Amino acid sequence: MGINTWYMGDTVPLLTIQLVPDSGFIDLTGLAPANFTLLIRNLNVGETSGVGTFSSVTQATVTNGVVTAPASVKYQFAVSEAVVGLYHLYVRIQFASGQQTFDAGLWQVGTA
């Protein structure tokens, strides 16, 4: 699912990224914002790591074995990231046992 178009230089609102695995739910127990990296793939140039800030690591809500709200994390873009272009975003999570990468969707930055 794509993210609404942002405008060059925007840094708010914070982007809430839902972390939805192929099945079940992801357990974020013990993780902090430092365990997350945003990968920003400019569809015309290449890939870079985000320099913004992660916050609000939130566990999934599971009721009677059913995920009613997926795990999520918030990201605040840095001004230098909001440059005109079309991007594909990925969130990489570093666990003690390894890493897992989630597709966060397309992000377009335009001019006002």
PDB file of N, CA and C in Angstrom:
ATOM      1  N   MET A   1       0.851  -1.167   0.000  1.00  0.00           N
ATOM      2  CA  MET A   1       0.000   0.000   0.000  1.00  0.00           C
ATOM      3  C   MET A   1       0.893   1.226   0.000  1.00  0.00           C
ATOM      4  N   GLY A   2       0.634   2.161  -0.892  1.00  0.00           N
ATOM      5  CA  GLY A   2       1.429   3.369  -0.992  1.00  0.00           C
ATOM      6  C   GLY A   2       1.106   4.367   0.110  1.00  0.00           C
ATOM      7  N   ILE A   3       2.000   5.308   0.299  1.00  0.00           N
ATOM      8  CA  ILE A   3       1.851   6.371   1.278  1.00  0.00           C
ATOM      9  C   ILE A   3       1.421   7.620   0.519  1.00  0.00           C
ATOM     10  N   ASN A   4       0.518   8.416   1.090  1.00  0.00           N
ATOM     11  CA  ASN A   4       0.104   9.651   0.425  1.00  0.00           C
ATOM     12  C   ASN A   4       1.317  10.490   0.059  1.00  0.00           C
ATOM     13  N   THR A   5       1.195  11.261  -1.038  1.00  0.00           N
ATOM     14  CA  THR A   5       2.287  12.114  -1.493  1.00  0.00           C
ATOM     15  C   THR A   5       2.683  13.126  -0.429  1.00  0.00           C
ATOM     16  N   TRP A   6       3.972  13.244  -0.198  1.00  0.00           N
ATOM     17  CA  TRP A   6       4.518  14.254   0.694  1.00  0.00           C
ATOM     18  C   TRP A   6       5.077  15.360  -0.178  1.00  0.00           C
ATOM     19  N   TYR A   7       5.429  16.480   0.426  1.00  0.00           N
ATOM     20  CA  TYR A   7       6.011  17.583  -0.316  1.00  0.00           C
ATOM     21  C   TYR A   7       7.421  17.833   0.167  1.00  0.00           C
ATOM     22  N   MET A   8       8.274  18.270  -0.763  1.00  0.00           N
ATOM     23  CA  MET A   8       9.684  18.462  -0.508  1.00  0.00           C
ATOM     24  C   MET A   8       9.911  19.225   0.802  1.00  0.00           C
ATOM     25  N   GLY A   9      10.745  18.658   1.678  1.00  0.00           N
ATOM     26  CA  GLY A   9      11.084  19.284   2.947  1.00  0.00           C
ATOM     27  C   GLY A   9      10.183  18.915   4.109  1.00  0.00           C
ATOM     28  N   ASP A  10       9.042  18.261   3.854  1.00  0.00           N
ATOM     29  CA  ASP A  10       8.143  17.872   4.949  1.00  0.00           C
ATOM     30  C   ASP A  10       8.801  16.825   5.846  1.00  0.00           C
ATOM     31  N   THR A  11       8.553  16.939   7.144  1.00  0.00           N
ATOM     32  CA  THR A  11       9.059  15.935   8.091  1.00  0.00           C
ATOM     33  C   THR A  11       7.959  15.421   9.020  1.00  0.00           C
ATOM     34  N   VAL A  12       6.759  15.965   8.927  1.00  0.00           N
ATOM     35  CA  VAL A  12       5.629  15.507   9.736  1.00  0.00           C
ATOM     36  C   VAL A  12       4.429  15.317   8.826  1.00  0.00           C
ATOM     37  N   PRO A  13       3.486  14.461   9.173  1.00  0.00           N
ATOM     38  CA  PRO A  13       3.395  13.716  10.425  1.00  0.00           C
ATOM     39  C   PRO A  13       4.351  12.527  10.418  1.00  0.00           C
ATOM     40  N   LEU A  14       4.535  11.946  11.612  1.00  0.00           N
ATOM     41  CA  LEU A  14       5.331  10.734  11.690  1.00  0.00           C
ATOM     42  C   LEU A  14       4.635   9.638  10.900  1.00  0.00           C
ATOM     43  N   LEU A  15       5.415   8.833  10.247  1.00  0.00           N
ATOM     44  CA  LEU A  15       4.887   7.724   9.465  1.00  0.00           C
ATOM     45  C   LEU A  15       4.747   6.509  10.393  1.00  0.00           C
ATOM     46  N   THR A  16       3.548   5.925  10.475  1.00  0.00           N
ATOM     47  CA  THR A  16       3.343   4.700  11.240  1.00  0.00           C
ATOM     48  C   THR A  16       3.473   3.531  10.276  1.00  0.00           C
ATOM     49  N   ILE A  17       4.426   2.661  10.534  1.00  0.00           N
ATOM     50  CA  ILE A  17       4.701   1.523   9.652  1.00  0.00           C
ATOM     51  C   ILE A  17       4.212   0.256  10.340  1.00  0.00           C
ATOM     52  N   GLN A  18       3.232  -0.416   9.723  1.00  0.00           N
ATOM     53  CA  GLN A  18       2.728  -1.672  10.270  1.00  0.00           C
ATOM     54  C   GLN A  18       3.637  -2.808   9.819  1.00  0.00           C
ATOM     55  N   LEU A  19       3.959  -3.683  10.744  1.00  0.00           N
ATOM     56  CA  LEU A  19       4.868  -4.795  10.487  1.00  0.00           C
ATOM     57  C   LEU A  19       4.051  -6.081  10.428  1.00  0.00           C
ATOM     58  N   VAL A  20       3.748  -6.512   9.221  1.00  0.00           N
ATOM     59  CA  VAL A  20       2.854  -7.649   9.013  1.00  0.00           C
ATOM     60  C   VAL A  20       3.621  -8.782   8.325  1.00  0.00           C
ATOM     61  N   PRO A  21       3.919  -9.847   9.064  1.00  0.00           N
ATOM     62  CA  PRO A  21       4.600 -10.993   8.435  1.00  0.00           C
ATOM     63  C   PRO A  21       3.624 -11.797   7.580  1.00  0.00           C
ATOM     64  N   ASP A  22       4.146 -12.767   6.841  1.00  0.00           N
ATOM     65  CA  ASP A  22       3.292 -13.589   5.972  1.00  0.00           C
ATOM     66  C   ASP A  22       2.240 -14.342   6.760  1.00  0.00           C
ATOM     67  N   SER A  23       2.560 -14.725   7.996  1.00  0.00           N
ATOM     68  CA  SER A  23       1.572 -15.394   8.839  1.00  0.00           C
ATOM     69  C   SER A  23       1.860 -15.055  10.296  1.00  0.00           C
ATOM     70  N   GLY A  24       0.845 -15.129  11.127  1.00  0.00           N
ATOM     71  CA  GLY A  24       1.011 -14.858  12.549  1.00  0.00           C
ATOM     72  C   GLY A  24       1.298 -13.395  12.824  1.00  0.00           C
ATOM     73  N   PHE A  25       2.184 -13.154  13.778  1.00  0.00           N
ATOM     74  CA  PHE A  25       2.546 -11.783  14.126  1.00  0.00           C
ATOM     75  C   PHE A  25       4.012 -11.747  14.510  1.00  0.00           C
ATOM     76  N   ILE A  26       4.580 -10.562  14.502  1.00  0.00           N
ATOM     77  CA  ILE A  26       5.983 -10.399  14.856  1.00  0.00           C
ATOM     78  C   ILE A  26       6.092  -9.977  16.319  1.00  0.00           C
ATOM     79  N   ASP A  27       7.011 -10.596  17.033  1.00  0.00           N
ATOM     80  CA  ASP A  27       7.218 -10.301  18.454  1.00  0.00           C
ATOM     81  C   ASP A  27       8.362  -9.298  18.582  1.00  0.00           C
ATOM     82  N   LEU A  28       8.054  -8.107  19.082  1.00  0.00           N
ATOM     83  CA  LEU A  28       9.047  -7.048  19.221  1.00  0.00           C
ATOM     84  C   LEU A  28       9.593  -6.924  20.648  1.00  0.00           C
ATOM     85  N   THR A  29       9.349  -7.939  21.469  1.00  0.00           N
ATOM     86  CA  THR A  29       9.806  -7.915  22.859  1.00  0.00           C
ATOM     87  C   THR A  29      11.309  -7.633  22.930  1.00  0.00           C
ATOM     88  N   GLY A  30      11.664  -6.658  23.747  1.00  0.00           N
ATOM     89  CA  GLY A  30      13.068  -6.330  23.969  1.00  0.00           C
ATOM     90  C   GLY A  30      13.705  -5.446  22.913  1.00  0.00           C
ATOM     91  N   LEU A  31      12.947  -5.081  21.882  1.00  0.00           N
ATOM     92  CA  LEU A  31      13.524  -4.245  20.833  1.00  0.00           C
ATOM     93  C   LEU A  31      13.323  -2.769  21.139  1.00  0.00           C
ATOM     94  N   ALA A  32      14.250  -1.961  20.684  1.00  0.00           N
ATOM     95  CA  ALA A  32      14.208  -0.513  20.857  1.00  0.00           C
ATOM     96  C   ALA A  32      14.323   0.138  19.468  1.00  0.00           C
ATOM     97  N   PRO A  33      14.070   1.433  19.372  1.00  0.00           N
ATOM     98  CA  PRO A  33      14.200   2.105  18.071  1.00  0.00           C
ATOM     99  C   PRO A  33      15.543   1.854  17.379  1.00  0.00           C
ATOM    100  N   ALA A  34      16.604   1.644  18.146  1.00  0.00           N
ATOM    101  CA  ALA A  34      17.925   1.395  17.553  1.00  0.00           C
ATOM    102  C   ALA A  34      17.984   0.077  16.777  1.00  0.00           C
ATOM    103  N   ASN A  35      17.009  -0.824  16.977  1.00  0.00           N
ATOM    104  CA  ASN A  35      16.970  -2.096  16.256  1.00  0.00           C
ATOM    105  C   ASN A  35      16.373  -1.967  14.860  1.00  0.00           C
ATOM    106  N   PHE A  36      15.934  -0.768  14.488  1.00  0.00           N
ATOM    107  CA  PHE A  36      15.235  -0.561  13.222  1.00  0.00           C
ATOM    108  C   PHE A  36      16.054   0.324  12.290  1.00  0.00           C
ATOM    109  N   THR A  37      16.026  -0.020  11.000  1.00  0.00           N
ATOM    110  CA  THR A  37      16.660   0.787   9.960  1.00  0.00           C
ATOM    111  C   THR A  37      15.656   0.963   8.830  1.00  0.00           C
ATOM    112  N   LEU A  38      15.542   2.180   8.314  1.00  0.00           N
ATOM    113  CA  LEU A  38      14.698   2.421   7.144  1.00  0.00           C
ATOM    114  C   LEU A  38      15.593   2.404   5.917  1.00  0.00           C
ATOM    115  N   LEU A  39      15.265   1.559   4.960  1.00  0.00           N
ATOM    116  CA  LEU A  39      15.971   1.527   3.681  1.00  0.00           C
ATOM    117  C   LEU A  39      15.118   2.285   2.679  1.00  0.00           C
ATOM    118  N   ILE A  40      15.713   3.262   2.028  1.00  0.00           N
ATOM    119  CA  ILE A  40      15.001   4.115   1.081  1.00  0.00           C
ATOM    120  C   ILE A  40      15.576   3.841  -0.300  1.00  0.00           C
ATOM    121  N   ARG A  41      14.781   3.212  -1.142  1.00  0.00           N
ATOM    122  CA  ARG A  41      15.231   2.884  -2.495  1.00  0.00           C
ATOM    123  C   ARG A  41      14.611   3.876  -3.479  1.00  0.00           C
ATOM    124  N   ASN A  42      15.434   4.818  -3.951  1.00  0.00           N
ATOM    125  CA  ASN A  42      14.994   5.755  -4.983  1.00  0.00           C
ATOM    126  C   ASN A  42      14.883   4.935  -6.269  1.00  0.00           C
ATOM    127  N   LEU A  43      13.726   4.928  -6.877  1.00  0.00           N
ATOM    128  CA  LEU A  43      13.510   4.056  -8.032  1.00  0.00           C
ATOM    129  C   LEU A  43      14.349   4.455  -9.241  1.00  0.00           C
ATOM    130  N   ASN A  44      14.962   5.656  -9.205  1.00  0.00           N
ATOM    131  CA  ASN A  44      15.803   6.096 -10.323  1.00  0.00           C
ATOM    132  C   ASN A  44      17.291   6.109  -9.993  1.00  0.00           C
ATOM    133  N   VAL A  45      17.659   6.042  -8.713  1.00  0.00           N
ATOM    134  CA  VAL A  45      19.057   6.247  -8.338  1.00  0.00           C
ATOM    135  C   VAL A  45      19.668   5.043  -7.629  1.00  0.00           C
ATOM    136  N   GLY A  46      19.062   4.565  -6.569  1.00  0.00           N
ATOM    137  CA  GLY A  46      19.633   3.471  -5.784  1.00  0.00           C
ATOM    138  C   GLY A  46      19.086   3.482  -4.376  1.00  0.00           C
ATOM    139  N   GLU A  47      19.757   2.775  -3.476  1.00  0.00           N
ATOM    140  CA  GLU A  47      19.253   2.606  -2.112  1.00  0.00           C
ATOM    141  C   GLU A  47      20.173   3.269  -1.098  1.00  0.00           C
ATOM    142  N   THR A  48      19.568   3.818  -0.055  1.00  0.00           N
ATOM    143  CA  THR A  48      20.308   4.432   1.041  1.00  0.00           C
ATOM    144  C   THR A  48      19.581   4.117   2.346  1.00  0.00           C
ATOM    145  N   SER A  49      20.278   4.234   3.460  1.00  0.00           N
ATOM    146  CA  SER A  49      19.646   4.071   4.765  1.00  0.00           C
ATOM    147  C   SER A  49      19.100   5.406   5.227  1.00  0.00           C
ATOM    148  N   GLY A  50      17.931   5.384   5.868  1.00  0.00           N
ATOM    149  CA  GLY A  50      17.328   6.604   6.372  1.00  0.00           C
ATOM    150  C   GLY A  50      18.140   7.210   7.493  1.00  0.00           C
ATOM    151  N   VAL A  51      18.035   8.530   7.647  1.00  0.00           N
ATOM    152  CA  VAL A  51      18.733   9.232   8.724  1.00  0.00           C
ATOM    153  C   VAL A  51      17.744   9.862   9.699  1.00  0.00           C
ATOM    154  N   GLY A  52      16.449   9.573   9.509  1.00  0.00           N
ATOM    155  CA  GLY A  52      15.419  10.063  10.412  1.00  0.00           C
ATOM    156  C   GLY A  52      15.419   9.269  11.711  1.00  0.00           C
ATOM    157  N   THR A  53      14.325   9.378  12.467  1.00  0.00           N
ATOM    158  CA  THR A  53      14.264   8.806  13.807  1.00  0.00           C
ATOM    159  C   THR A  53      13.099   7.840  13.974  1.00  0.00           C
ATOM    160  N   PHE A  54      13.384   6.639  14.481  1.00  0.00           N
ATOM    161  CA  PHE A  54      12.339   5.684  14.831  1.00  0.00           C
ATOM    162  C   PHE A  54      11.889   5.935  16.260  1.00  0.00           C
ATOM    163  N   SER A  55      10.609   5.645  16.543  1.00  0.00           N
ATOM    164  CA  SER A  55      10.068   5.749  17.899  1.00  0.00           C
ATOM    165  C   SER A  55       8.845   4.851  18.006  1.00  0.00           C
ATOM    166  N   SER A  56       8.274   4.786  19.181  1.00  0.00           N
ATOM    167  CA  SER A  56       6.997   4.103  19.430  1.00  0.00           C
ATOM    168  C   SER A  56       6.938   2.678  18.879  1.00  0.00           C
ATOM    169  N   VAL A  57       7.825   1.838  19.363  1.00  0.00           N
ATOM    170  CA  VAL A  57       7.790   0.415  19.006  1.00  0.00           C
ATOM    171  C   VAL A  57       6.587  -0.185  19.728  1.00  0.00           C
ATOM    172  N   THR A  58       5.612  -0.706  18.972  1.00  0.00           N
ATOM    173  CA  THR A  58       4.353  -1.188  19.546  1.00  0.00           C
ATOM    174  C   THR A  58       4.132  -2.657  19.191  1.00  0.00           C
ATOM    175  N   GLN A  59       3.864  -3.473  20.204  1.00  0.00           N
ATOM    176  CA  GLN A  59       3.591  -4.897  19.991  1.00  0.00           C
ATOM    177  C   GLN A  59       2.266  -5.097  19.258  1.00  0.00           C
ATOM    178  N   ALA A  60       2.146  -6.220  18.583  1.00  0.00           N
ATOM    179  CA  ALA A  60       0.872  -6.603  17.979  1.00  0.00           C
ATOM    180  C   ALA A  60      -0.146  -6.881  19.084  1.00  0.00           C
ATOM    181  N   THR A  61      -1.420  -6.656  18.782  1.00  0.00           N
ATOM    182  CA  THR A  61      -2.496  -7.009  19.696  1.00  0.00           C
ATOM    183  C   THR A  61      -3.116  -8.301  19.186  1.00  0.00           C
ATOM    184  N   VAL A  62      -3.121  -9.316  20.038  1.00  0.00           N
ATOM    185  CA  VAL A  62      -3.667 -10.620  19.668  1.00  0.00           C
ATOM    186  C   VAL A  62      -4.792 -10.949  20.647  1.00  0.00           C
ATOM    187  N   THR A  63      -5.988 -11.219  20.098  1.00  0.00           N
ATOM    188  CA  THR A  63      -7.147 -11.554  20.911  1.00  0.00           C
ATOM    189  C   THR A  63      -7.666 -12.924  20.496  1.00  0.00           C
ATOM    190  N   ASN A  64      -7.694 -13.851  21.428  1.00  0.00           N
ATOM    191  CA  ASN A  64      -8.151 -15.218  21.139  1.00  0.00           C
ATOM    192  C   ASN A  64      -7.413 -15.818  19.937  1.00  0.00           C
ATOM    193  N   GLY A  65      -6.117 -15.571  19.863  1.00  0.00           N
ATOM    194  CA  GLY A  65      -5.308 -16.135  18.788  1.00  0.00           C
ATOM    195  C   GLY A  65      -5.410 -15.410  17.463  1.00  0.00           C
ATOM    196  N   VAL A  66      -6.140 -14.285  17.424  1.00  0.00           N
ATOM    197  CA  VAL A  66      -6.323 -13.528  16.180  1.00  0.00           C
ATOM    198  C   VAL A  66      -5.633 -12.177  16.327  1.00  0.00           C
ATOM    199  N   VAL A  67      -4.840 -11.798  15.332  1.00  0.00           N
ATOM    200  CA  VAL A  67      -4.171 -10.499  15.354  1.00  0.00           C
ATOM    201  C   VAL A  67      -5.213  -9.427  15.041  1.00  0.00           C
ATOM    202  N   THR A  68      -5.488  -8.565  16.023  1.00  0.00           N
ATOM    203  CA  THR A  68      -6.467  -7.494  15.813  1.00  0.00           C
ATOM    204  C   THR A  68      -5.791  -6.169  15.472  1.00  0.00           C
ATOM    205  N   ALA A  69      -4.501  -6.065  15.760  1.00  0.00           N
ATOM    206  CA  ALA A  69      -3.706  -4.894  15.370  1.00  0.00           C
ATOM    207  C   ALA A  69      -2.261  -5.368  15.212  1.00  0.00           C
ATOM    208  N   PRO A  70      -1.654  -5.142  14.040  1.00  0.00           N
ATOM    209  CA  PRO A  70      -0.278  -5.605  13.839  1.00  0.00           C
ATOM    210  C   PRO A  70       0.719  -4.773  14.643  1.00  0.00           C
ATOM    211  N   ALA A  71       1.895  -5.330  14.848  1.00  0.00           N
ATOM    212  CA  ALA A  71       2.984  -4.577  15.462  1.00  0.00           C
ATOM    213  C   ALA A  71       3.287  -3.378  14.565  1.00  0.00           C
ATOM    214  N   SER A  72       3.813  -2.317  15.170  1.00  0.00           N
ATOM    215  CA  SER A  72       4.128  -1.133  14.371  1.00  0.00           C
ATOM    216  C   SER A  72       5.275  -0.350  14.992  1.00  0.00           C
ATOM    217  N   VAL A  73       5.798   0.562  14.217  1.00  0.00           N
ATOM    218  CA  VAL A  73       6.845   1.475  14.658  1.00  0.00           C
ATOM    219  C   VAL A  73       6.617   2.789  13.917  1.00  0.00           C
ATOM    220  N   LYS A  74       7.002   3.894  14.545  1.00  0.00           N
ATOM    221  CA  LYS A  74       6.856   5.207  13.903  1.00  0.00           C
ATOM    222  C   LYS A  74       8.217   5.683  13.414  1.00  0.00           C
ATOM    223  N   TYR A  75       8.183   6.463  12.314  1.00  0.00           N
ATOM    224  CA  TYR A  75       9.407   7.001  11.737  1.00  0.00           C
ATOM    225  C   TYR A  75       9.186   8.461  11.391  1.00  0.00           C
ATOM    226  N   GLN A  76      10.134   9.305  11.802  1.00  0.00           N
ATOM    227  CA  GLN A  76      10.089  10.715  11.423  1.00  0.00           C
ATOM    228  C   GLN A  76      11.195  10.951  10.406  1.00  0.00           C
ATOM    229  N   PHE A  77      10.789  11.367   9.216  1.00  0.00           N
ATOM    230  CA  PHE A  77      11.750  11.634   8.152  1.00  0.00           C
ATOM    231  C   PHE A  77      12.612  12.835   8.504  1.00  0.00           C
ATOM    232  N   ALA A  78      13.847  12.826   8.029  1.00  0.00           N
ATOM    233  CA  ALA A  78      14.732  13.987   8.113  1.00  0.00           C
ATOM    234  C   ALA A  78      14.462  14.849   6.883  1.00  0.00           C
ATOM    235  N   VAL A  79      14.706  16.141   6.989  1.00  0.00           N
ATOM    236  CA  VAL A  79      14.485  17.053   5.860  1.00  0.00           C
ATOM    237  C   VAL A  79      15.240  16.570   4.619  1.00  0.00           C
ATOM    238  N   SER A  80      16.446  16.053   4.815  1.00  0.00           N
ATOM    239  CA  SER A  80      17.269  15.614   3.681  1.00  0.00           C
ATOM    240  C   SER A  80      16.676  14.417   2.944  1.00  0.00           C
ATOM    241  N   GLU A  81      15.719  13.720   3.557  1.00  0.00           N
ATOM    242  CA  GLU A  81      15.101  12.558   2.911  1.00  0.00           C
ATOM    243  C   GLU A  81      13.924  12.952   2.025  1.00  0.00           C
ATOM    244  N   ALA A  82      13.312  14.093   2.314  1.00  0.00           N
ATOM    245  CA  ALA A  82      12.116  14.515   1.581  1.00  0.00           C
ATOM    246  C   ALA A  82      12.518  15.295   0.327  1.00  0.00           C
ATOM    247  N   VAL A  83      13.127  14.581  -0.601  1.00  0.00           N
ATOM    248  CA  VAL A  83      13.585  15.140  -1.866  1.00  0.00           C
ATOM    249  C   VAL A  83      12.673  14.601  -2.964  1.00  0.00           C
ATOM    250  N   VAL A  84      12.313  15.455  -3.929  1.00  0.00           N
ATOM    251  CA  VAL A  84      11.387  15.058  -4.991  1.00  0.00           C
ATOM    252  C   VAL A  84      11.835  13.744  -5.628  1.00  0.00           C
ATOM    253  N   GLY A  85      10.906  12.790  -5.695  1.00  0.00           N
ATOM    254  CA  GLY A  85      11.203  11.504  -6.304  1.00  0.00           C
ATOM    255  C   GLY A  85      10.189  10.451  -5.903  1.00  0.00           C
ATOM    256  N   LEU A  86      10.360   9.252  -6.440  1.00  0.00           N
ATOM    257  CA  LEU A  86       9.517   8.108  -6.116  1.00  0.00           C
ATOM    258  C   LEU A  86      10.408   7.056  -5.466  1.00  0.00           C
ATOM    259  N   TYR A  87       9.997   6.588  -4.289  1.00  0.00           N
ATOM    260  CA  TYR A  87      10.819   5.711  -3.480  1.00  0.00           C
ATOM    261  C   TYR A  87      10.044   4.461  -3.072  1.00  0.00           C
ATOM    262  N   HIS A  88      10.789   3.397  -2.792  1.00  0.00           N
ATOM    263  CA  HIS A  88      10.220   2.200  -2.177  1.00  0.00           C
ATOM    264  C   HIS A  88      10.894   2.088  -0.817  1.00  0.00           C
ATOM    265  N   LEU A  89      10.092   1.968   0.246  1.00  0.00           N
ATOM    266  CA  LEU A  89      10.613   1.939   1.609  1.00  0.00           C
ATOM    267  C   LEU A  89      10.588   0.522   2.174  1.00  0.00           C
ATOM    268  N   TYR A  90      11.624   0.184   2.924  1.00  0.00           N
ATOM    269  CA  TYR A  90      11.717  -1.098   3.602  1.00  0.00           C
ATOM    270  C   TYR A  90      12.178  -0.836   5.034  1.00  0.00           C
ATOM    271  N   VAL A  91      11.667  -1.607   5.982  1.00  0.00           N
ATOM    272  CA  VAL A  91      12.103  -1.518   7.372  1.00  0.00           C
ATOM    273  C   VAL A  91      12.867  -2.794   7.698  1.00  0.00           C
ATOM    274  N   ARG A  92      14.102  -2.626   8.131  1.00  0.00           N
ATOM    275  CA  ARG A  92      14.925  -3.766   8.531  1.00  0.00           C
ATOM    276  C   ARG A  92      14.985  -3.791  10.057  1.00  0.00           C
ATOM    277  N   ILE A  93      14.658  -4.954  10.633  1.00  0.00           N
ATOM    278  CA  ILE A  93      14.676  -5.127  12.081  1.00  0.00           C
ATOM    279  C   ILE A  93      15.814  -6.065  12.447  1.00  0.00           C
ATOM    280  N   GLN A  94      16.637  -5.644  13.397  1.00  0.00           N
ATOM    281  CA  GLN A  94      17.745  -6.467  13.868  1.00  0.00           C
ATOM    282  C   GLN A  94      17.341  -7.158  15.164  1.00  0.00           C
ATOM    283  N   PHE A  95      17.195  -8.476  15.102  1.00  0.00           N
ATOM    284  CA  PHE A  95      16.912  -9.306  16.272  1.00  0.00           C
ATOM    285  C   PHE A  95      18.226  -9.912  16.747  1.00  0.00           C
ATOM    286  N   ALA A  96      18.251 -10.461  17.947  1.00  0.00           N
ATOM    287  CA  ALA A  96      19.450 -11.145  18.443  1.00  0.00           C
ATOM    288  C   ALA A  96      19.817 -12.318  17.541  1.00  0.00           C
ATOM    289  N   SER A  97      18.810 -12.958  16.935  1.00  0.00           N
ATOM    290  CA  SER A  97      19.028 -14.145  16.108  1.00  0.00           C
ATOM    291  C   SER A  97      19.228 -13.841  14.625  1.00  0.00           C
ATOM    292  N   GLY A  98      19.113 -12.589  14.219  1.00  0.00           N
ATOM    293  CA  GLY A  98      19.259 -12.239  12.808  1.00  0.00           C
ATOM    294  C   GLY A  98      18.410 -11.035  12.463  1.00  0.00           C
ATOM    295  N   GLN A  99      18.229 -10.806  11.187  1.00  0.00           N
ATOM    296  CA  GLN A  99      17.449  -9.649  10.765  1.00  0.00           C
ATOM    297  C   GLN A  99      16.275 -10.062   9.899  1.00  0.00           C
ATOM    298  N   GLN A 100      15.257  -9.201   9.842  1.00  0.00           N
ATOM    299  CA  GLN A 100      14.093  -9.425   8.997  1.00  0.00           C
ATOM    300  C   GLN A 100      13.719  -8.082   8.383  1.00  0.00           C
ATOM    301  N   THR A 101      13.373  -8.093   7.091  1.00  0.00           N
ATOM    302  CA  THR A 101      13.053  -6.865   6.367  1.00  0.00           C
ATOM    303  C   THR A 101      11.596  -6.895   5.932  1.00  0.00           C
ATOM    304  N   PHE A 102      10.893  -5.780   6.161  1.00  0.00           N
ATOM    305  CA  PHE A 102       9.489  -5.634   5.796  1.00  0.00           C
ATOM    306  C   PHE A 102       9.339  -4.578   4.712  1.00  0.00           C
ATOM    307  N   ASP A 103       8.447  -4.834   3.769  1.00  0.00           N
ATOM    308  CA  ASP A 103       8.113  -3.881   2.714  1.00  0.00           C
ATOM    309  C   ASP A 103       7.157  -2.844   3.305  1.00  0.00           C
ATOM    310  N   ALA A 104       7.569  -1.575   3.308  1.00  0.00           N
ATOM    311  CA  ALA A 104       6.722  -0.512   3.869  1.00  0.00           C
ATOM    312  C   ALA A 104       5.975   0.264   2.777  1.00  0.00           C
ATOM    313  N   GLY A 105       6.176  -0.093   1.515  1.00  0.00           N
ATOM    314  CA  GLY A 105       5.394   0.513   0.439  1.00  0.00           C
ATOM    315  C   GLY A 105       6.113   1.629  -0.302  1.00  0.00           C
ATOM    316  N   LEU A 106       5.366   2.214  -1.227  1.00  0.00           N
ATOM    317  CA  LEU A 106       5.895   3.305  -2.045  1.00  0.00           C
ATOM    318  C   LEU A 106       5.713   4.632  -1.336  1.00  0.00           C
ATOM    319  N   TRP A 107       6.641   5.555  -1.580  1.00  0.00           N
ATOM    320  CA  TRP A 107       6.589   6.904  -0.997  1.00  0.00           C
ATOM    321  C   TRP A 107       6.951   7.873  -2.095  1.00  0.00           C
ATOM    322  N   GLN A 108       6.091   8.833  -2.351  1.00  0.00           N
ATOM    323  CA  GLN A 108       6.349   9.832  -3.376  1.00  0.00           C
ATOM    324  C   GLN A 108       6.474  11.206  -2.736  1.00  0.00           C
ATOM    325  N   VAL A 109       7.509  11.932  -3.142  1.00  0.00           N
ATOM    326  CA  VAL A 109       7.718  13.293  -2.685  1.00  0.00           C
ATOM    327  C   VAL A 109       7.585  14.198  -3.899  1.00  0.00           C
ATOM    328  N   GLY A 110       6.702  15.202  -3.800  1.00  0.00           N
ATOM    329  CA  GLY A 110       6.483  16.115  -4.905  1.00  0.00           C
ATOM    330  C   GLY A 110       6.767  17.556  -4.498  1.00  0.00           C
ATOM    331  N   THR A 111       6.463  18.466  -5.401  1.00  0.00           N
ATOM    332  CA  THR A 111       6.607  19.884  -5.100  1.00  0.00           C
ATOM    333  C   THR A 111       5.225  20.485  -4.910  1.00  0.00           C
ATOM    334  N   ALA A 112       5.145  21.484  -4.065  1.00  0.00           N
ATOM    335  CA  ALA A 112       3.844  22.112  -3.762  1.00  0.00           C
ATOM    336  C   ALA A 112       3.417  23.010  -4.905  1.00  0.00           C
TER     337      ALA A 112
END
